[in-house]
Structure formats: structure tokens, C-alpha cells
Amino acid sequence: MSFSDTITALVPFSDDELNDILNHFTMKLVSKNEILVNQGEICKYLYFIEQGMGRSYYLNENQKEITQWFFGKGKFMTSADSFFQKKPSLYYLEVLEDSILYLISKENLDKLFDKYSKMEKLGRLVISEMLTNVVNKLNAIQFQTARERYDYMLAEFPDIVYQVSLGHIASYLGMAQETLSRIRSQDSIN
């Protein structure tokens, strides 16, 4: 689904409103493994992924990458606290495959919020979805078995095993890569 189709599926903008909104975004082709934001930098943009896959991650005390979140096609991606509060990001934002992104600065987003009440509604819907996803992930990590977390991830990101390395997936699920391999091998047996 295109960026404009995604927006209008959430909120019914008129053609003039939609054109104005789209003019505030910049389309960018991004290469696989490109870092959009480094840990410690302020995240200056909210990204929409029209095509591709991204992730946020941090480095633990042993400098091992720990995936915090995946962002798939048709989703918004940012380091939320950094973008909205203009403070240094706790995470890196990385594109995992060649991607088409639409990006907007906080200033331009605020202008659209001021100009269109329907844009504020879109913002509430997007932020509400992000918050719900974070809560669901926390609940999964706290209360679910490794198998249940893996199944939850597949429900959220059905094609992820074809797009992302097993190491990234294991760190996202909070399990060792060997545990993930055992779960996946059980699937191939069944």
C-alpha cells in the first residue's frame, strides 16, 4: 500500500489536504544497512516505510546489538522520545533492506497538526498503535514462553524470517540464537 493510501485509509483527507500533507514529506531511497540515526544523536525525522524493513537497536555493555523493535512496510519508524522531545536517542535506527521512505521533520509535522485537525487524529492513531505495540512486546517478554514470543512476532511480522537475520530476531525476542534455532527446527518437523 502506498504512503498516500495508508494515510487516507486511517483518516479521510480531501485531495487538496492530502496533496498539502504529502508536500511536507520527502521521499528517500535508502540502501540496505544504512544507519538513519546513531545512538546519542537527536532523531530529526519521522519516517514512513513504503517499502522495506527497519529496526531500532542499542549496544549493551558488551557492545552486542540488541534489537528493540522492527518496523515493516506500511509503518512509521522513529526514535519516539528523541523525535518528540528533541533529546539524544537511546537507539540506532537502521534500514535492513533497500527501502523507500517518506520523512518529515518535527517542525513540519507540527505545522500540519496546527493546520489540520484530521492530521492530529492521524497522529493520535499512529502514536496509539506504537504504544500498544510496545506494551504488547513488554507483556510478551514478561509473561510468554520463548515459543509464544516467536509466534507473536510472526503474527506481527509474517515475512520477517525472510527479511532479517536470525541474530537480530533472537535479540528482539530476548533469547539466545540457539533457542530460536530449536523453535524454528520444530516448525520444520511439524
C-alpha atoms as a PDB file:
ATOM      1  CA  MET A   1       0.000   0.000   0.000  1.00  0.00           C
ATOM      2  CA  SER A   2       1.378   3.419  -0.921  1.00  0.00           C
ATOM      3  CA  PHE A   3       2.044   6.166   1.604  1.00  0.00           C
ATOM      4  CA  SER A   4      -0.977   8.211   0.470  1.00  0.00           C
ATOM      5  CA  ASP A   5      -3.232   5.119   0.524  1.00  0.00           C
ATOM      6  CA  THR A   6      -2.112   4.308   4.073  1.00  0.00           C
ATOM      7  CA  ILE A   7      -2.825   7.831   5.300  1.00  0.00           C
ATOM      8  CA  THR A   8      -6.260   8.038   3.703  1.00  0.00           C
ATOM      9  CA  ALA A   9      -7.176   4.567   4.976  1.00  0.00           C
ATOM     10  CA  LEU A  10      -6.675   5.910   8.509  1.00  0.00           C
ATOM     11  CA  VAL A  11      -8.194   9.371   8.042  1.00  0.00           C
ATOM     12  CA  PRO A  12     -10.305  10.569   5.081  1.00  0.00           C
ATOM     13  CA  PHE A  13      -8.386  13.620   3.835  1.00  0.00           C
ATOM     14  CA  SER A  14      -9.638  15.609   0.857  1.00  0.00           C
ATOM     15  CA  ASP A  15      -7.443  15.594  -2.255  1.00  0.00           C
ATOM     16  CA  ASP A  16      -6.229  19.138  -1.511  1.00  0.00           C
ATOM     17  CA  GLU A  17      -5.418  18.276   2.107  1.00  0.00           C
ATOM     18  CA  LEU A  18      -3.634  15.093   1.074  1.00  0.00           C
ATOM     19  CA  ASN A  19      -1.536  16.913  -1.548  1.00  0.00           C
ATOM     20  CA  ASP A  20      -0.535  19.552   1.000  1.00  0.00           C
ATOM     21  CA  ILE A  21       0.363  16.881   3.558  1.00  0.00           C
ATOM     22  CA  LEU A  22       2.413  14.903   1.040  1.00  0.00           C
ATOM     23  CA  ASN A  23       4.278  18.077   0.068  1.00  0.00           C
ATOM     24  CA  HIS A  24       5.578  18.302   3.642  1.00  0.00           C
ATOM     25  CA  PHE A  25       7.181  14.845   3.365  1.00  0.00           C
ATOM     26  CA  THR A  26      10.331  13.988   1.426  1.00  0.00           C
ATOM     27  CA  MET A  27      10.697  10.669  -0.372  1.00  0.00           C
ATOM     28  CA  LYS A  28      14.081   8.994   0.092  1.00  0.00           C
ATOM     29  CA  LEU A  29      15.565   5.818  -1.347  1.00  0.00           C
ATOM     30  CA  VAL A  30      17.707   4.180   1.316  1.00  0.00           C
ATOM     31  CA  SER A  31      20.212   1.367   0.857  1.00  0.00           C
ATOM     32  CA  LYS A  32      20.349  -1.810   2.909  1.00  0.00           C
ATOM     33  CA  ASN A  33      22.173  -1.442   6.260  1.00  0.00           C
ATOM     34  CA  GLU A  34      22.098   2.370   6.179  1.00  0.00           C
ATOM     35  CA  ILE A  35      22.022   3.953   9.627  1.00  0.00           C
ATOM     36  CA  LEU A  36      19.445   6.761   9.825  1.00  0.00           C
ATOM     37  CA  VAL A  37      20.113   7.761  13.429  1.00  0.00           C
ATOM     38  CA  ASN A  38      23.053   6.984  15.685  1.00  0.00           C
ATOM     39  CA  GLN A  39      22.675   6.411  19.394  1.00  0.00           C
ATOM     40  CA  GLY A  40      23.230   9.751  21.123  1.00  0.00           C
ATOM     41  CA  GLU A  41      22.020  11.840  18.167  1.00  0.00           C
ATOM     42  CA  ILE A  42      18.695  13.622  18.081  1.00  0.00           C
ATOM     43  CA  CYS A  43      16.283  11.861  15.739  1.00  0.00           C
ATOM     44  CA  LYS A  44      15.200  14.660  13.401  1.00  0.00           C
ATOM     45  CA  TYR A  45      12.603  12.770  11.349  1.00  0.00           C
ATOM     46  CA  LEU A  46       9.554  10.590  11.486  1.00  0.00           C
ATOM     47  CA  TYR A  47       9.861   8.007   8.719  1.00  0.00           C
ATOM     48  CA  PHE A  48       7.159   6.107   6.885  1.00  0.00           C
ATOM     49  CA  ILE A  49       8.286   2.833   5.291  1.00  0.00           C
ATOM     50  CA  GLU A  50       6.538   2.431   1.956  1.00  0.00           C
ATOM     51  CA  GLN A  51       8.827  -0.447   1.029  1.00  0.00           C
ATOM     52  CA  GLY A  52      11.465  -2.212   3.093  1.00  0.00           C
ATOM     53  CA  MET A  53      12.216  -3.006   6.709  1.00  0.00           C
ATOM     54  CA  GLY A  54      13.922  -1.133   9.521  1.00  0.00           C
ATOM     55  CA  ARG A  55      14.874  -1.693  13.112  1.00  0.00           C
ATOM     56  CA  SER A  56      15.887   0.170  16.227  1.00  0.00           C
ATOM     57  CA  TYR A  57      18.642  -1.269  18.384  1.00  0.00           C
ATOM     58  CA  TYR A  58      21.116  -0.413  21.101  1.00  0.00           C
ATOM     59  CA  LEU A  59      24.509  -1.721  22.155  1.00  0.00           C
ATOM     60  CA  ASN A  60      24.630  -3.496  25.513  1.00  0.00           C
ATOM     61  CA  GLU A  61      27.559  -3.306  27.928  1.00  0.00           C
ATOM     62  CA  ASN A  62      29.433  -5.906  25.816  1.00  0.00           C
ATOM     63  CA  GLN A  63      28.819  -3.873  22.627  1.00  0.00           C
ATOM     64  CA  LYS A  64      26.392  -6.518  21.373  1.00  0.00           C
ATOM     65  CA  GLU A  65      23.496  -5.234  19.277  1.00  0.00           C
ATOM     66  CA  ILE A  66      20.098  -5.712  20.930  1.00  0.00           C
ATOM     67  CA  THR A  67      17.114  -5.150  18.634  1.00  0.00           C
ATOM     68  CA  GLN A  68      14.426  -3.102  20.321  1.00  0.00           C
ATOM     69  CA  TRP A  69      11.875  -3.039  17.501  1.00  0.00           C
ATOM     70  CA  PHE A  70      11.277  -3.874  13.854  1.00  0.00           C
ATOM     71  CA  PHE A  71       9.433  -1.517  11.524  1.00  0.00           C
ATOM     72  CA  GLY A  72       7.824  -3.111   8.489  1.00  0.00           C
ATOM     73  CA  LYS A  73       6.266  -1.951   5.275  1.00  0.00           C
ATOM     74  CA  GLY A  74       3.378   0.457   5.820  1.00  0.00           C
ATOM     75  CA  LYS A  75       4.547   1.545   9.292  1.00  0.00           C
ATOM     76  CA  PHE A  76       6.038   4.667  10.803  1.00  0.00           C
ATOM     77  CA  MET A  77       9.540   4.498  12.267  1.00  0.00           C
ATOM     78  CA  THR A  78      11.339   6.841  14.628  1.00  0.00           C
ATOM     79  CA  SER A  79      13.111   7.019  17.953  1.00  0.00           C
ATOM     80  CA  ALA A  80       9.967   8.410  19.565  1.00  0.00           C
ATOM     81  CA  ASP A  81      11.339  10.022  22.714  1.00  0.00           C
ATOM     82  CA  SER A  82      14.169  11.609  20.742  1.00  0.00           C
ATOM     83  CA  PHE A  83      11.961  12.850  17.898  1.00  0.00           C
ATOM     84  CA  PHE A  84       9.140  14.288  20.007  1.00  0.00           C
ATOM     85  CA  GLN A  85      11.230  15.614  22.900  1.00  0.00           C
ATOM     86  CA  LYS A  86      14.368  16.571  20.929  1.00  0.00           C
ATOM     87  CA  LYS A  87      16.677  14.616  23.195  1.00  0.00           C
ATOM     88  CA  PRO A  88      19.502  12.235  22.278  1.00  0.00           C
ATOM     89  CA  SER A  89      18.301   8.883  21.007  1.00  0.00           C
ATOM     90  CA  LEU A  90      18.901   5.791  23.103  1.00  0.00           C
ATOM     91  CA  TYR A  91      18.769   3.756  19.883  1.00  0.00           C
ATOM     92  CA  TYR A  92      20.226   3.411  16.437  1.00  0.00           C
ATOM     93  CA  LEU A  93      17.743   3.376  13.542  1.00  0.00           C
ATOM     94  CA  GLU A  94      18.849   1.137  10.688  1.00  0.00           C
ATOM     95  CA  VAL A  95      17.330   0.104   7.369  1.00  0.00           C
ATOM     96  CA  LEU A  96      17.654  -3.675   6.881  1.00  0.00           C
ATOM     97  CA  GLU A  97      16.917  -3.820   3.145  1.00  0.00           C
ATOM     98  CA  ASP A  98      16.743  -1.372   0.263  1.00  0.00           C
ATOM     99  CA  SER A  99      13.808   0.822   1.178  1.00  0.00           C
ATOM    100  CA  ILE A 100      11.544   3.650   0.097  1.00  0.00           C
ATOM    101  CA  LEU A 101      10.957   6.048   2.977  1.00  0.00           C
ATOM    102  CA  TYR A 102       8.935   9.209   3.398  1.00  0.00           C
ATOM    103  CA  LEU A 103      10.246  11.519   6.082  1.00  0.00           C
ATOM    104  CA  ILE A 104       9.056  14.624   7.858  1.00  0.00           C
ATOM    105  CA  SER A 105      10.715  16.902  10.412  1.00  0.00           C
ATOM    106  CA  LYS A 106       9.125  17.644  13.785  1.00  0.00           C
ATOM    107  CA  GLU A 107       8.648  21.275  12.730  1.00  0.00           C
ATOM    108  CA  ASN A 108       6.769  20.332   9.553  1.00  0.00           C
ATOM    109  CA  LEU A 109       4.706  17.752  11.405  1.00  0.00           C
ATOM    110  CA  ASP A 110       3.728  20.371  13.994  1.00  0.00           C
ATOM    111  CA  LYS A 111       2.696  22.744  11.180  1.00  0.00           C
ATOM    112  CA  LEU A 112       0.411  20.056   9.780  1.00  0.00           C
ATOM    113  CA  PHE A 113      -1.034  19.350  13.234  1.00  0.00           C
ATOM    114  CA  ASP A 114      -1.813  23.065  13.606  1.00  0.00           C
ATOM    115  CA  LYS A 115      -3.300  23.324  10.118  1.00  0.00           C
ATOM    116  CA  TYR A 116      -5.485  20.198  10.033  1.00  0.00           C
ATOM    117  CA  SER A 117      -7.412  18.739  12.942  1.00  0.00           C
ATOM    118  CA  LYS A 118      -7.625  15.499  10.953  1.00  0.00           C
ATOM    119  CA  MET A 119      -3.823  15.403  10.964  1.00  0.00           C
ATOM    120  CA  GLU A 120      -3.905  15.428  14.764  1.00  0.00           C
ATOM    121  CA  LYS A 121      -6.265  12.457  14.569  1.00  0.00           C
ATOM    122  CA  LEU A 122      -3.782  10.653  12.301  1.00  0.00           C
ATOM    123  CA  GLY A 123      -1.018  11.397  14.802  1.00  0.00           C
ATOM    124  CA  ARG A 124      -3.103  10.023  17.682  1.00  0.00           C
ATOM    125  CA  LEU A 125      -3.836   6.838  15.729  1.00  0.00           C
ATOM    126  CA  VAL A 126      -0.170   6.293  14.856  1.00  0.00           C
ATOM    127  CA  ILE A 127       1.071   7.002  18.386  1.00  0.00           C
ATOM    128  CA  SER A 128      -1.673   4.826  19.863  1.00  0.00           C
ATOM    129  CA  GLU A 129      -0.621   1.935  17.618  1.00  0.00           C
ATOM    130  CA  MET A 130       3.045   2.408  18.557  1.00  0.00           C
ATOM    131  CA  LEU A 131       2.211   2.466  22.280  1.00  0.00           C
ATOM    132  CA  THR A 132       0.009  -0.620  22.016  1.00  0.00           C
ATOM    133  CA  ASN A 133       2.769  -2.488  20.169  1.00  0.00           C
ATOM    134  CA  VAL A 134       5.335  -1.592  22.827  1.00  0.00           C
ATOM    135  CA  VAL A 135       3.009  -2.722  25.637  1.00  0.00           C
ATOM    136  CA  ASN A 136       2.282  -5.974  23.795  1.00  0.00           C
ATOM    137  CA  LYS A 137       6.001  -6.633  23.366  1.00  0.00           C
ATOM    138  CA  LEU A 138       6.700  -5.937  27.040  1.00  0.00           C
ATOM    139  CA  ASN A 139       3.885  -8.284  28.024  1.00  0.00           C
ATOM    140  CA  ALA A 140       5.239 -10.947  25.671  1.00  0.00           C
ATOM    141  CA  ILE A 141       8.744 -10.714  27.129  1.00  0.00           C
ATOM    142  CA  GLN A 142       7.475 -10.751  30.717  1.00  0.00           C
ATOM    143  CA  PHE A 143       4.750 -13.373  30.525  1.00  0.00           C
ATOM    144  CA  GLN A 144       5.243 -15.603  27.487  1.00  0.00           C
ATOM    145  CA  THR A 145       7.436 -18.579  26.742  1.00  0.00           C
ATOM    146  CA  ALA A 146      10.091 -18.346  24.037  1.00  0.00           C
ATOM    147  CA  ARG A 147       7.763 -20.222  21.666  1.00  0.00           C
ATOM    148  CA  GLU A 148       4.867 -17.859  22.387  1.00  0.00           C
ATOM    149  CA  ARG A 149       7.112 -14.819  21.796  1.00  0.00           C
ATOM    150  CA  TYR A 150       8.231 -16.250  18.463  1.00  0.00           C
ATOM    151  CA  ASP A 151       4.616 -16.900  17.398  1.00  0.00           C
ATOM    152  CA  TYR A 152       3.660 -13.369  18.495  1.00  0.00           C
ATOM    153  CA  MET A 153       6.481 -11.918  16.381  1.00  0.00           C
ATOM    154  CA  LEU A 154       5.386 -13.931  13.324  1.00  0.00           C
ATOM    155  CA  ALA A 155       1.828 -12.658  13.758  1.00  0.00           C
ATOM    156  CA  GLU A 156       3.143  -9.083  13.893  1.00  0.00           C
ATOM    157  CA  PHE A 157       5.743  -9.506  11.100  1.00  0.00           C
ATOM    158  CA  PRO A 158       4.740 -12.516   8.934  1.00  0.00           C
ATOM    159  CA  ASP A 159       7.651 -12.271   6.450  1.00  0.00           C
ATOM    160  CA  ILE A 160      10.352 -11.307   8.914  1.00  0.00           C
ATOM    161  CA  VAL A 161      12.298 -14.574   8.690  1.00  0.00           C
ATOM    162  CA  TYR A 162      12.929 -13.773   5.009  1.00  0.00           C
ATOM    163  CA  GLN A 163      13.972 -10.173   5.676  1.00  0.00           C
ATOM    164  CA  VAL A 164      16.023 -10.175   8.867  1.00  0.00           C
ATOM    165  CA  SER A 165      18.982 -12.136  10.230  1.00  0.00           C
ATOM    166  CA  LEU A 166      18.319 -14.738  12.920  1.00  0.00           C
ATOM    167  CA  GLY A 167      20.665 -12.837  15.237  1.00  0.00           C
ATOM    168  CA  HIS A 168      18.500  -9.711  15.019  1.00  0.00           C
ATOM    169  CA  ILE A 169      15.353 -11.774  15.581  1.00  0.00           C
ATOM    170  CA  ALA A 170      16.820 -13.582  18.596  1.00  0.00           C
ATOM    171  CA  SER A 171      17.883 -10.314  20.234  1.00  0.00           C
ATOM    172  CA  TYR A 172      14.437  -8.797  19.577  1.00  0.00           C
ATOM    173  CA  LEU A 173      12.787 -11.808  21.243  1.00  0.00           C
ATOM    174  CA  GLY A 174      15.206 -11.764  24.176  1.00  0.00           C
ATOM    175  CA  MET A 175      16.536 -15.265  23.579  1.00  0.00           C
ATOM    176  CA  ALA A 176      19.724 -16.989  22.521  1.00  0.00           C
ATOM    177  CA  GLN A 177      20.128 -17.724  18.835  1.00  0.00           C
ATOM    178  CA  GLU A 178      20.312 -21.439  19.685  1.00  0.00           C
ATOM    179  CA  THR A 179      16.867 -21.261  21.323  1.00  0.00           C
ATOM    180  CA  LEU A 180      15.473 -19.564  18.235  1.00  0.00           C
ATOM    181  CA  SER A 181      17.035 -22.240  16.005  1.00  0.00           C
ATOM    182  CA  ARG A 182      15.418 -25.002  18.111  1.00  0.00           C
ATOM    183  CA  ILE A 183      11.991 -23.335  17.826  1.00  0.00           C
ATOM    184  CA  ARG A 184      12.382 -22.932  14.078  1.00  0.00           C
ATOM    185  CA  SER A 185      13.524 -26.538  13.631  1.00  0.00           C
ATOM    186  CA  GLN A 186      10.404 -27.730  15.488  1.00  0.00           C
ATOM    187  CA  ASP A 187       8.351 -25.853  12.875  1.00  0.00           C
ATOM    188  CA  SER A 188      10.085 -27.650  10.024  1.00  0.00           C
ATOM    189  CA  ILE A 189       9.452 -31.036  11.678  1.00  0.00           C
ATOM    190  CA  ASN A 190       5.732 -30.356  12.207  1.00  0.00           C
END
